[in-house]
Protein backbone atom coordinates (compact mmCIF):
# COMPACT_ATOMS: atom_id res chain seq x y z
CA MET A 1 -0.14 0.07 0.01
CA MET A 2 1.52 3.68 -0.42
CA LEU A 3 -0.52 5.01 2.42
CA GLU A 4 -1.89 3.71 5.06
CA GLY A 5 -3.71 4.90 8.74
CA ARG A 6 -4.31 1.98 11.06
CA GLY A 7 -6.97 2.70 13.85
CA LEU A 8 -6.47 6.45 14.18
CA HIS A 9 -7.87 8.10 17.08
CA TRP A 10 -7.63 12.15 17.52
CA GLU A 11 -9.36 13.65 20.37
CA ALA A 12 -10.21 17.71 20.85
CA GLN A 13 -11.79 19.25 24.17
CA ALA A 14 -12.17 15.45 25.35
CA ARG A 15 -14.28 15.08 22.19
CA ARG A 16 -13.40 12.16 19.61
CA ILE A 17 -13.18 13.40 16.31
CA VAL A 18 -11.39 10.50 14.83
CA ASP A 19 -12.70 7.15 16.34
CA GLY A 20 -10.12 4.00 14.93
CA ALA A 21 -10.29 4.61 11.60
CA SER A 22 -8.40 2.57 9.53
CA VAL A 23 -7.40 3.61 5.70
CA ALA A 24 -5.52 1.90 3.02
CA LEU A 25 -4.54 3.60 -0.17
CA ALA A 26 -3.31 1.13 -3.16
CA ARG A 27 -1.03 2.56 -5.81
CA GLY A 28 -2.70 4.74 -8.58
CA GLU A 29 -5.87 4.79 -6.71
CA CYS A 30 -8.40 7.09 -6.32
CA LEU A 31 -9.93 7.00 -2.57
CA GLY A 32 -12.79 9.21 -1.88
CA LEU A 33 -13.28 10.55 1.54
CA ILE A 34 -17.40 11.40 2.22
CA GLY A 35 -19.33 12.30 5.06
CA PRO A 36 -21.32 15.51 6.14
CA ASN A 37 -19.44 18.33 7.99
CA GLY A 38 -18.25 17.37 11.23
CA SER A 39 -17.65 13.40 10.11
CA GLY A 40 -13.97 13.87 10.38
CA LYS A 41 -13.19 13.81 7.26
CA SER A 42 -10.62 17.17 7.08
CA THR A 43 -9.02 16.13 10.22
CA LEU A 44 -8.36 11.84 9.29
CA LEU A 45 -6.24 13.95 6.29
CA ARG A 46 -4.59 15.97 8.48
CA LEU A 47 -3.46 13.02 10.46
CA LEU A 48 -2.48 10.63 7.04
CA TYR A 49 -0.24 14.51 6.10
CA ARG A 50 1.14 14.69 9.46
CA ALA A 51 -0.61 18.37 10.40
CA LEU A 52 -1.53 16.45 13.55
CA ARG A 53 -0.68 13.34 15.45
CA PRO A 54 -2.64 10.78 16.34
CA THR A 55 -3.52 10.15 20.15
CA ARG A 56 -3.60 6.52 18.86
CA GLY A 57 -2.75 4.58 15.74
CA ALA A 58 -0.25 4.94 13.01
CA VAL A 59 0.60 6.60 9.41
CA LEU A 60 2.70 4.25 7.13
CA LEU A 61 4.16 5.74 3.68
CA GLN A 62 4.60 2.49 1.80
CA GLY A 63 5.40 0.31 5.04
CA LEU A 64 7.48 3.08 6.62
CA ASP A 65 6.04 4.83 9.93
CA VAL A 66 5.71 8.75 8.51
CA ARG A 67 7.38 9.77 12.39
CA GLY A 68 10.79 8.60 11.49
CA ILE A 69 10.32 10.26 7.93
CA ALA A 70 12.70 13.40 7.09
CA GLU A 71 10.26 16.56 6.78
CA ARG A 72 11.74 16.85 2.93
CA ARG A 73 11.36 12.81 2.16
CA PHE A 74 7.79 13.20 2.85
CA ALA A 75 7.53 16.11 1.04
CA GLN A 76 9.06 14.66 -1.78
CA GLN A 77 6.29 11.77 -2.22
CA VAL A 78 3.44 13.42 -0.40
CA ALA A 79 1.65 16.42 -1.48
CA VAL A 80 -1.52 18.30 -0.05
CA LEU A 81 -4.17 20.78 -1.08
CA ALA A 82 -5.60 21.60 2.16
CA GLN A 83 -9.02 24.28 2.37
CA GLU A 84 -6.52 26.86 3.42
CA SER A 85 -3.24 26.43 1.24
CA ALA A 86 -2.67 29.97 0.06
CA PRO A 87 0.45 31.96 1.63
CA GLY A 88 -0.09 35.21 3.66
CA PHE A 89 2.37 36.76 1.56
CA GLU A 90 2.32 39.05 -1.92
CA THR A 91 3.23 36.60 -4.68
CA THR A 92 2.52 35.86 -8.19
CA VAL A 93 1.06 32.64 -9.90
CA ALA A 94 4.37 31.03 -11.13
CA GLU A 95 6.28 32.27 -8.05
CA LEU A 96 3.41 30.40 -5.92
CA VAL A 97 3.81 27.18 -8.18
CA MET A 98 7.19 27.21 -8.08
CA MET A 99 6.98 26.41 -4.27
CA GLY A 100 6.48 22.88 -5.26
CA ARG A 101 9.88 22.30 -6.48
CA ILE A 102 11.01 23.23 -2.96
CA PRO A 103 11.42 19.56 -1.70
CA HIS A 104 13.14 18.64 -4.97
CA GLN A 105 15.96 21.68 -4.76
CA ALA A 106 19.49 21.63 -3.31
CA PRO A 107 19.62 24.38 -0.41
CA TRP A 108 19.49 28.08 -1.83
CA ALA A 109 19.75 26.49 -5.35
CA ARG A 110 18.23 28.79 -8.00
CA ASP A 111 15.33 27.27 -10.43
CA SER A 112 16.62 25.26 -12.92
CA ALA A 113 15.16 24.84 -16.53
CA GLN A 114 13.64 21.59 -15.36
CA ASP A 115 11.81 23.35 -12.57
CA HIS A 116 10.36 26.32 -14.80
CA ALA A 117 9.43 23.38 -17.42
CA ILE A 118 7.54 21.10 -14.58
CA VAL A 119 5.75 24.64 -13.55
CA ARG A 120 4.77 25.34 -17.02
CA GLU A 121 3.21 21.92 -17.59
CA ALA A 122 1.86 21.93 -14.17
CA LEU A 123 -0.50 25.47 -14.95
CA ARG A 124 -1.11 23.74 -18.31
CA GLN A 125 -2.65 20.97 -17.10
CA VAL A 126 -5.03 23.31 -14.61
CA ASP A 127 -5.82 25.90 -17.84
CA ALA A 128 -3.72 28.21 -15.45
CA LEU A 129 -0.94 29.21 -17.88
CA ALA A 130 -2.22 32.13 -18.93
CA LEU A 131 -2.64 33.38 -15.34
CA ALA A 132 1.21 32.66 -14.19
CA ARG A 133 2.27 36.57 -14.04
CA ARG A 134 -0.88 37.65 -12.08
CA PRO A 135 -0.33 38.34 -8.73
CA LEU A 136 -2.52 35.39 -6.50
CA ALA A 137 -4.48 38.59 -4.90
CA GLU A 138 -5.84 39.11 -8.19
CA LEU A 139 -7.64 35.79 -8.72
CA SER A 140 -10.90 34.48 -8.12
CA GLY A 141 -11.68 31.65 -5.75
CA GLY A 142 -11.70 29.10 -8.38
CA GLU A 143 -8.91 30.24 -10.24
CA LYS A 144 -6.82 30.46 -6.84
CA GLN A 145 -8.16 26.77 -6.29
CA ARG A 146 -6.57 25.33 -9.96
CA VAL A 147 -3.24 27.29 -9.28
CA LEU A 148 -2.75 25.61 -5.89
CA LEU A 149 -3.56 22.22 -7.43
CA ALA A 150 -1.11 23.09 -10.19
CA ARG A 151 1.51 23.58 -7.08
CA ALA A 152 0.69 20.18 -5.92
CA LEU A 153 1.20 18.80 -9.31
CA ALA A 154 4.73 20.52 -9.57
CA GLN A 155 5.99 18.66 -6.30
CA GLN A 156 5.79 15.31 -8.55
CA PRO A 157 4.55 13.56 -5.59
CA GLN A 158 3.52 9.76 -5.20
CA VAL A 159 0.77 10.38 -3.14
CA LEU A 160 -1.93 13.15 -3.54
CA LEU A 161 -3.85 14.46 -0.68
CA LEU A 162 -7.06 16.77 -1.39
CA ASP A 163 -9.19 18.26 0.95
CA GLU A 164 -12.58 19.92 -0.81
CA PRO A 165 -10.59 20.58 -4.26
CA THR A 166 -13.56 21.31 -6.02
CA ASN A 167 -14.97 24.17 -3.80
CA HIS A 168 -14.78 27.59 -5.74
CA LEU A 169 -15.08 25.87 -9.23
CA ASP A 170 -17.80 26.10 -11.41
CA ILE A 171 -19.03 22.91 -13.15
CA ARG A 172 -16.81 22.66 -15.85
CA HIS A 173 -13.75 23.10 -13.67
CA GLN A 174 -14.83 20.94 -11.15
CA LEU A 175 -15.37 18.06 -13.50
CA GLU A 176 -11.92 19.10 -15.81
CA LEU A 177 -10.16 18.84 -12.01
CA MET A 178 -11.72 15.46 -11.34
CA GLY A 179 -11.17 14.13 -14.61
CA LEU A 180 -7.32 15.62 -14.48
CA LEU A 181 -6.53 13.91 -10.67
CA ARG A 182 -7.88 10.81 -12.35
CA ARG A 183 -5.53 10.90 -15.76
CA GLN A 184 -2.70 11.34 -13.90
CA GLN A 185 -2.98 7.89 -12.07
CA LEU A 186 -1.26 9.34 -9.09
CA SER A 187 -2.13 7.29 -5.70
CA THR A 188 -4.91 10.30 -4.44
CA ILE A 189 -7.52 10.77 -1.26
CA VAL A 190 -9.75 13.30 -1.69
CA ALA A 191 -12.41 14.60 0.65
CA LEU A 192 -15.57 15.50 -1.21
CA HIS A 193 -18.96 16.77 -0.53
CA ASP A 194 -20.49 16.17 -3.87
CA LEU A 195 -21.99 12.46 -4.00
CA ASN A 196 -22.13 12.06 -7.53
CA ILE A 197 -18.91 13.66 -8.36
CA ALA A 198 -17.58 11.02 -5.92
CA ALA A 199 -19.32 8.22 -6.99
CA HIS A 200 -18.37 9.31 -10.99
CA TYR A 201 -14.12 9.86 -10.30
CA CYS A 202 -13.56 7.51 -7.35
CA HIS A 203 -12.10 3.81 -7.12
CA ARG A 204 -13.40 3.68 -3.84
CA LEU A 205 -15.01 5.60 -1.17
CA VAL A 206 -14.63 5.80 2.66
CA LEU A 207 -17.97 6.87 4.23
CA MET A 208 -17.40 8.64 7.62
CA ASP A 209 -20.01 9.21 10.36
CA GLN A 210 -19.20 10.87 13.64
CA GLY A 211 -15.81 10.12 13.54
CA ARG A 212 -16.43 6.11 12.64
CA ILE A 213 -15.91 4.48 9.32
CA ALA A 214 -19.57 4.09 8.46
CA ALA A 215 -18.73 1.71 5.24
CA GLU A 216 -16.00 1.26 2.51
CA GLY A 217 -15.80 -0.04 -0.68
CA PRO A 218 -16.76 0.54 -4.28
CA PRO A 219 -19.10 3.61 -4.84
CA ALA A 220 -22.03 0.99 -5.72
CA GLN A 221 -22.11 -0.72 -2.61
CA VAL A 222 -21.40 2.87 -0.24
CA LEU A 223 -23.47 4.60 -1.78
CA THR A 224 -26.80 3.16 -0.99
CA PRO A 225 -30.17 4.59 -0.36
CA ALA A 226 -29.95 2.98 3.44
CA ALA A 227 -26.59 4.60 4.11
CA ILE A 228 -27.16 7.88 2.75
CA ARG A 229 -30.50 8.24 5.25
CA GLN A 230 -28.36 6.66 8.23
CA VAL A 231 -25.66 8.96 7.70
CA TYR A 232 -26.74 12.23 6.18
CA GLY A 233 -30.74 11.69 7.27
CA VAL A 234 -32.01 12.46 3.77
CA ALA A 235 -34.09 10.36 1.39
CA ALA A 236 -32.51 9.74 -1.90
CA GLU A 237 -32.57 6.93 -4.90
CA VAL A 238 -29.41 5.71 -6.39
CA ASP A 239 -29.97 4.54 -10.30
CA SER A 240 -27.09 4.09 -12.68
CA HIS A 241 -26.11 6.78 -14.89
CA PRO A 242 -27.32 6.20 -18.61
CA ALA A 243 -24.33 7.24 -19.80
CA THR A 244 -21.38 6.01 -17.61
CA GLY A 245 -23.24 3.39 -15.44
CA ARG A 246 -21.87 4.57 -12.63
CA PRO A 247 -24.11 5.62 -9.16
CA ARG A 248 -26.56 8.09 -9.80
CA ILE A 249 -27.85 9.89 -6.36
CA SER A 250 -31.03 11.65 -6.69
CA PHE A 251 -31.56 13.49 -3.20
CA ILE A 252 -35.74 13.31 -2.21
CA PRO A 253 -37.00 17.06 -0.66
CA HIS A 254 -38.74 16.47 3.01
CA ALA A 255 -41.35 17.94 2.09
CA LEU A 256 -42.31 14.79 -0.64
CA ASP A 257 -41.70 12.27 2.08
CA ASP A 258 -44.50 13.82 3.80
């Protein structure tokens, strides 16, 4: 396995936020974390990329406990797109994406021609090459999200962890971004709210509820009306999309339940 979380627990103010969660990411797999707000998705991701230390359990990167891996080495293998990833200082788009090259550069080294080529390609992949010279502060929320993904791709990781990457994106760029993630064939864990996007693009899903894993498996196995009602508290119908054959979720307004 590329990345594993084994029996992870994390508590805050005597409240258990992640409660015995175990996940395993295979090489080249896109694994979706789904669940309502407060279910523990973002906290589980933070445990996996070492922003938080579990109170119990372990995180393994290709079989090695991440606590024993040097920060630089970890950053060469794992890239993260968190919900709040923009730097707190002024920078251009190209300069920001170039930061993804830092783990691969010698200390105080100048950006090489190869670094610049990798940055350009990362921007091209997210349809943001035209933004390269723009100040980051001038970008819309959707543009900024695509640029932050370009920074993660410029890092050339083996594992990519993303927390709600489709936030602020219009429908076109949501679909393009998720399609891009699948085409990269990176080992990817992505937290998502949109169940239809998760069903279409993810190989497997982990459904979280109150810090625990309520269901895990292929989308068709996890996204059942019973599971959706139990975890999200809403009624839903699930059928197969006529064009893709993937699960399609239709929510039933409460007014129709009466």
